[in-house]
Amino acid sequence: MLTIQNIGFNIVFLALLALTSCKQTNVDGVIIGNTLYENQDYSANKRLCGIIKRTLDKDQSVLIQLTEFWCGTADGCYDLGYILTQIIHKMGEQEFIKLTNGLTKNQKNDISGLIVVGLEYGDNNHDNKIDDATIDNTFPNLQKALSD
């Protein structure tokens, strides 16, 4: 027999199920890798999606938040690096370089490290795919800007 308590429990359960199933794996064409996605709760996913959108809108302060985003295990951090490489491809290397102007050496090192793992482990299927995808041959101007 259904009781008010059972109905209330079912409503709460369905609401939680709906919230957790509404996580995004793609933000404006930027793919969030499985490991990072699967280890996020709804609020972390929503925060990451906002960070991706605002970075694509060229918000430098959010770029720093992206580099500091908790990615969990190594695979999750590879996924975060892949997100960054996708953003660079979408925005263009020169526009991304403008975002890095004025960042500290540590912030530039964090960005560089994420790009390295993003290129190495990400599925970089884009128009200008390079078989040996390293930061030096994929984003040579950005590499120079990050190392200055």
C-alpha atoms as a PDB file:
ATOM      1  CA  MET A   1       0.000   0.000   0.000  1.00  0.00           C
ATOM      2  CA  LEU A   2       1.256   3.452  -0.862  1.00  0.00           C
ATOM      3  CA  THR A   3       1.640   5.787   2.038  1.00  0.00           C
ATOM      4  CA  ILE A   4       2.411   9.482   2.073  1.00  0.00           C
ATOM      5  CA  GLN A   5       5.898   8.611   3.316  1.00  0.00           C
ATOM      6  CA  ASN A   6       6.490   6.241   0.356  1.00  0.00           C
ATOM      7  CA  ILE A   7       5.196   8.820  -2.111  1.00  0.00           C
ATOM      8  CA  GLY A   8       7.490  11.470  -0.601  1.00  0.00           C
ATOM      9  CA  PHE A   9      10.465   9.123  -0.803  1.00  0.00           C
ATOM     10  CA  ASN A  10       9.681   8.336  -4.444  1.00  0.00           C
ATOM     11  CA  ILE A  11       9.413  12.024  -5.336  1.00  0.00           C
ATOM     12  CA  VAL A  12      12.762  12.806  -3.684  1.00  0.00           C
ATOM     13  CA  PHE A  13      14.373   9.793  -5.374  1.00  0.00           C
ATOM     14  CA  LEU A  14      13.069  10.801  -8.809  1.00  0.00           C
ATOM     15  CA  ALA A  15      14.191  14.411  -8.300  1.00  0.00           C
ATOM     16  CA  LEU A  16      17.707  13.279  -7.380  1.00  0.00           C
ATOM     17  CA  LEU A  17      17.793  10.894 -10.312  1.00  0.00           C
ATOM     18  CA  ALA A  18      16.736  13.676 -12.667  1.00  0.00           C
ATOM     19  CA  LEU A  19      19.390  16.036 -11.326  1.00  0.00           C
ATOM     20  CA  THR A  20      22.214  13.519 -11.568  1.00  0.00           C
ATOM     21  CA  SER A  21      21.226  12.467 -15.063  1.00  0.00           C
ATOM     22  CA  CYS A  22      21.294  16.069 -16.312  1.00  0.00           C
ATOM     23  CA  LYS A  23      25.054  16.357 -16.295  1.00  0.00           C
ATOM     24  CA  GLN A  24      26.577  17.534 -19.562  1.00  0.00           C
ATOM     25  CA  THR A  25      29.310  15.774 -21.528  1.00  0.00           C
ATOM     26  CA  ASN A  26      29.540  18.428 -24.242  1.00  0.00           C
ATOM     27  CA  VAL A  27      29.671  22.220 -23.896  1.00  0.00           C
ATOM     28  CA  ASP A  28      29.557  24.186 -27.139  1.00  0.00           C
ATOM     29  CA  GLY A  29      31.380  21.345 -28.895  1.00  0.00           C
ATOM     30  CA  VAL A  30      33.954  20.842 -26.114  1.00  0.00           C
ATOM     31  CA  ILE A  31      33.828  17.230 -24.940  1.00  0.00           C
ATOM     32  CA  ILE A  32      34.206  16.387 -21.256  1.00  0.00           C
ATOM     33  CA  GLY A  33      36.037  13.058 -21.093  1.00  0.00           C
ATOM     34  CA  ASN A  34      34.428  10.048 -19.436  1.00  0.00           C
ATOM     35  CA  THR A  35      36.683   9.784 -16.397  1.00  0.00           C
ATOM     36  CA  LEU A  36      36.250  13.420 -15.428  1.00  0.00           C
ATOM     37  CA  TYR A  37      32.524  13.332 -16.184  1.00  0.00           C
ATOM     38  CA  GLU A  38      31.821  10.113 -14.300  1.00  0.00           C
ATOM     39  CA  ASN A  39      33.639  11.289 -11.170  1.00  0.00           C
ATOM     40  CA  GLN A  40      31.697  14.554 -10.947  1.00  0.00           C
ATOM     41  CA  ASP A  41      28.527  15.250  -9.102  1.00  0.00           C
ATOM     42  CA  TYR A  42      25.930  17.505 -10.680  1.00  0.00           C
ATOM     43  CA  SER A  43      27.226  20.722  -9.093  1.00  0.00           C
ATOM     44  CA  ALA A  44      30.855  20.078 -10.129  1.00  0.00           C
ATOM     45  CA  ASN A  45      29.718  19.322 -13.667  1.00  0.00           C
ATOM     46  CA  LYS A  46      27.629  22.477 -13.791  1.00  0.00           C
ATOM     47  CA  ARG A  47      30.588  24.516 -12.488  1.00  0.00           C
ATOM     48  CA  LEU A  48      32.933  22.993 -15.096  1.00  0.00           C
ATOM     49  CA  CYS A  49      30.435  23.671 -17.882  1.00  0.00           C
ATOM     50  CA  GLY A  50      30.246  27.307 -16.808  1.00  0.00           C
ATOM     51  CA  ILE A  51      34.032  27.551 -16.720  1.00  0.00           C
ATOM     52  CA  ILE A  52      34.271  26.100 -20.238  1.00  0.00           C
ATOM     53  CA  LYS A  53      31.655  28.539 -21.597  1.00  0.00           C
ATOM     54  CA  ARG A  54      33.262  31.566 -19.976  1.00  0.00           C
ATOM     55  CA  THR A  55      36.735  30.529 -21.126  1.00  0.00           C
ATOM     56  CA  LEU A  56      35.398  30.265 -24.668  1.00  0.00           C
ATOM     57  CA  ASP A  57      34.046  33.797 -24.107  1.00  0.00           C
ATOM     58  CA  LYS A  58      37.666  34.812 -23.373  1.00  0.00           C
ATOM     59  CA  ASP A  59      37.374  35.410 -19.623  1.00  0.00           C
ATOM     60  CA  GLN A  60      40.941  35.217 -18.301  1.00  0.00           C
ATOM     61  CA  SER A  61      39.931  34.804 -14.648  1.00  0.00           C
ATOM     62  CA  VAL A  62      37.936  31.712 -15.552  1.00  0.00           C
ATOM     63  CA  LEU A  63      40.861  30.273 -17.503  1.00  0.00           C
ATOM     64  CA  ILE A  64      42.747  30.236 -14.210  1.00  0.00           C
ATOM     65  CA  GLN A  65      39.781  28.481 -12.558  1.00  0.00           C
ATOM     66  CA  LEU A  66      39.961  25.857 -15.293  1.00  0.00           C
ATOM     67  CA  THR A  67      43.610  25.132 -14.492  1.00  0.00           C
ATOM     68  CA  GLU A  68      42.742  24.845 -10.789  1.00  0.00           C
ATOM     69  CA  PHE A  69      39.625  22.692 -11.288  1.00  0.00           C
ATOM     70  CA  TRP A  70      39.744  19.488  -9.216  1.00  0.00           C
ATOM     71  CA  CYS A  71      40.117  16.668 -11.723  1.00  0.00           C
ATOM     72  CA  GLY A  72      40.567  13.726  -9.361  1.00  0.00           C
ATOM     73  CA  THR A  73      42.729  10.920 -10.683  1.00  0.00           C
ATOM     74  CA  ALA A  74      45.361  11.160 -13.405  1.00  0.00           C
ATOM     75  CA  ASP A  75      42.855  10.141 -16.085  1.00  0.00           C
ATOM     76  CA  GLY A  76      40.512  12.917 -14.984  1.00  0.00           C
ATOM     77  CA  CYS A  77      43.357  15.412 -15.270  1.00  0.00           C
ATOM     78  CA  TYR A  78      44.136  14.120 -18.757  1.00  0.00           C
ATOM     79  CA  ASP A  79      40.491  14.833 -19.577  1.00  0.00           C
ATOM     80  CA  LEU A  80      40.886  18.357 -18.186  1.00  0.00           C
ATOM     81  CA  GLY A  81      43.924  18.847 -20.397  1.00  0.00           C
ATOM     82  CA  TYR A  82      41.912  17.623 -23.358  1.00  0.00           C
ATOM     83  CA  ILE A  83      39.227  20.195 -22.546  1.00  0.00           C
ATOM     84  CA  LEU A  84      41.884  22.899 -22.650  1.00  0.00           C
ATOM     85  CA  THR A  85      43.278  21.749 -26.013  1.00  0.00           C
ATOM     86  CA  GLN A  86      39.764  21.729 -27.474  1.00  0.00           C
ATOM     87  CA  ILE A  87      39.205  25.269 -26.228  1.00  0.00           C
ATOM     88  CA  ILE A  88      42.454  26.396 -27.860  1.00  0.00           C
ATOM     89  CA  HIS A  89      41.462  24.766 -31.163  1.00  0.00           C
ATOM     90  CA  LYS A  90      37.992  26.363 -31.044  1.00  0.00           C
ATOM     91  CA  MET A  91      39.226  29.821 -30.097  1.00  0.00           C
ATOM     92  CA  GLY A  92      42.420  29.793 -32.114  1.00  0.00           C
ATOM     93  CA  GLU A  93      45.985  29.876 -30.885  1.00  0.00           C
ATOM     94  CA  GLN A  94      46.429  33.650 -31.210  1.00  0.00           C
ATOM     95  CA  GLU A  95      43.243  34.437 -29.285  1.00  0.00           C
ATOM     96  CA  PHE A  96      44.241  31.996 -26.561  1.00  0.00           C
ATOM     97  CA  ILE A  97      47.672  33.624 -26.311  1.00  0.00           C
ATOM     98  CA  LYS A  98      45.911  36.915 -25.562  1.00  0.00           C
ATOM     99  CA  LEU A  99      44.185  35.197 -22.642  1.00  0.00           C
ATOM    100  CA  THR A 100      47.530  34.171 -21.183  1.00  0.00           C
ATOM    101  CA  ASN A 101      48.971  37.696 -21.225  1.00  0.00           C
ATOM    102  CA  GLY A 102      49.614  38.882 -17.688  1.00  0.00           C
ATOM    103  CA  LEU A 103      49.438  35.446 -16.088  1.00  0.00           C
ATOM    104  CA  THR A 104      52.093  34.453 -13.584  1.00  0.00           C
ATOM    105  CA  LYS A 105      54.836  31.992 -14.479  1.00  0.00           C
ATOM    106  CA  ASN A 106      53.157  29.342 -12.277  1.00  0.00           C
ATOM    107  CA  GLN A 107      49.815  29.854 -14.017  1.00  0.00           C
ATOM    108  CA  LYS A 108      51.505  29.558 -17.416  1.00  0.00           C
ATOM    109  CA  ASN A 109      53.261  26.377 -16.252  1.00  0.00           C
ATOM    110  CA  ASP A 110      49.914  24.916 -15.145  1.00  0.00           C
ATOM    111  CA  ILE A 111      48.413  25.702 -18.552  1.00  0.00           C
ATOM    112  CA  SER A 112      51.409  24.224 -20.336  1.00  0.00           C
ATOM    113  CA  GLY A 113      51.216  21.020 -18.283  1.00  0.00           C
ATOM    114  CA  LEU A 114      47.527  20.576 -19.026  1.00  0.00           C
ATOM    115  CA  ILE A 115      48.122  21.154 -22.732  1.00  0.00           C
ATOM    116  CA  VAL A 116      50.890  18.535 -22.788  1.00  0.00           C
ATOM    117  CA  VAL A 117      48.671  15.827 -21.264  1.00  0.00           C
ATOM    118  CA  GLY A 118      45.659  16.973 -23.270  1.00  0.00           C
ATOM    119  CA  LEU A 119      47.560  16.530 -26.509  1.00  0.00           C
ATOM    120  CA  GLU A 120      49.125  13.259 -25.433  1.00  0.00           C
ATOM    121  CA  TYR A 121      45.997  11.554 -24.102  1.00  0.00           C
ATOM    122  CA  GLY A 122      43.094  13.438 -25.680  1.00  0.00           C
ATOM    123  CA  ASP A 123      41.281  12.379 -28.804  1.00  0.00           C
ATOM    124  CA  ASN A 124      42.481  15.316 -30.875  1.00  0.00           C
ATOM    125  CA  ASN A 125      40.393  14.695 -33.969  1.00  0.00           C
ATOM    126  CA  HIS A 126      40.374  18.140 -35.473  1.00  0.00           C
ATOM    127  CA  ASP A 127      41.002  19.541 -38.925  1.00  0.00           C
ATOM    128  CA  ASN A 128      44.718  20.158 -38.380  1.00  0.00           C
ATOM    129  CA  LYS A 129      45.523  16.894 -36.615  1.00  0.00           C
ATOM    130  CA  ILE A 130      49.222  16.266 -36.186  1.00  0.00           C
ATOM    131  CA  ASP A 131      50.315  12.656 -35.725  1.00  0.00           C
ATOM    132  CA  ASP A 132      52.947  13.646 -33.166  1.00  0.00           C
ATOM    133  CA  ALA A 133      50.772  16.055 -31.195  1.00  0.00           C
ATOM    134  CA  THR A 134      53.133  17.907 -28.886  1.00  0.00           C
ATOM    135  CA  ILE A 135      52.795  21.446 -27.639  1.00  0.00           C
ATOM    136  CA  ASP A 136      55.836  22.448 -29.722  1.00  0.00           C
ATOM    137  CA  ASN A 137      54.392  21.337 -33.045  1.00  0.00           C
ATOM    138  CA  THR A 138      50.681  21.846 -32.346  1.00  0.00           C
ATOM    139  CA  PHE A 139      50.813  25.264 -30.671  1.00  0.00           C
ATOM    140  CA  PRO A 140      54.309  26.645 -31.361  1.00  0.00           C
ATOM    141  CA  ASN A 141      53.382  30.286 -30.776  1.00  0.00           C
ATOM    142  CA  LEU A 142      51.544  29.446 -27.579  1.00  0.00           C
ATOM    143  CA  GLN A 143      54.497  27.385 -26.343  1.00  0.00           C
ATOM    144  CA  LYS A 144      56.722  30.405 -26.880  1.00  0.00           C
ATOM    145  CA  ALA A 145      54.276  32.720 -25.091  1.00  0.00           C
ATOM    146  CA  LEU A 146      53.969  30.335 -22.144  1.00  0.00           C
ATOM    147  CA  SER A 147      57.712  29.962 -21.770  1.00  0.00           C
ATOM    148  CA  ASP A 148      58.464  33.738 -21.850  1.00  0.00           C
END
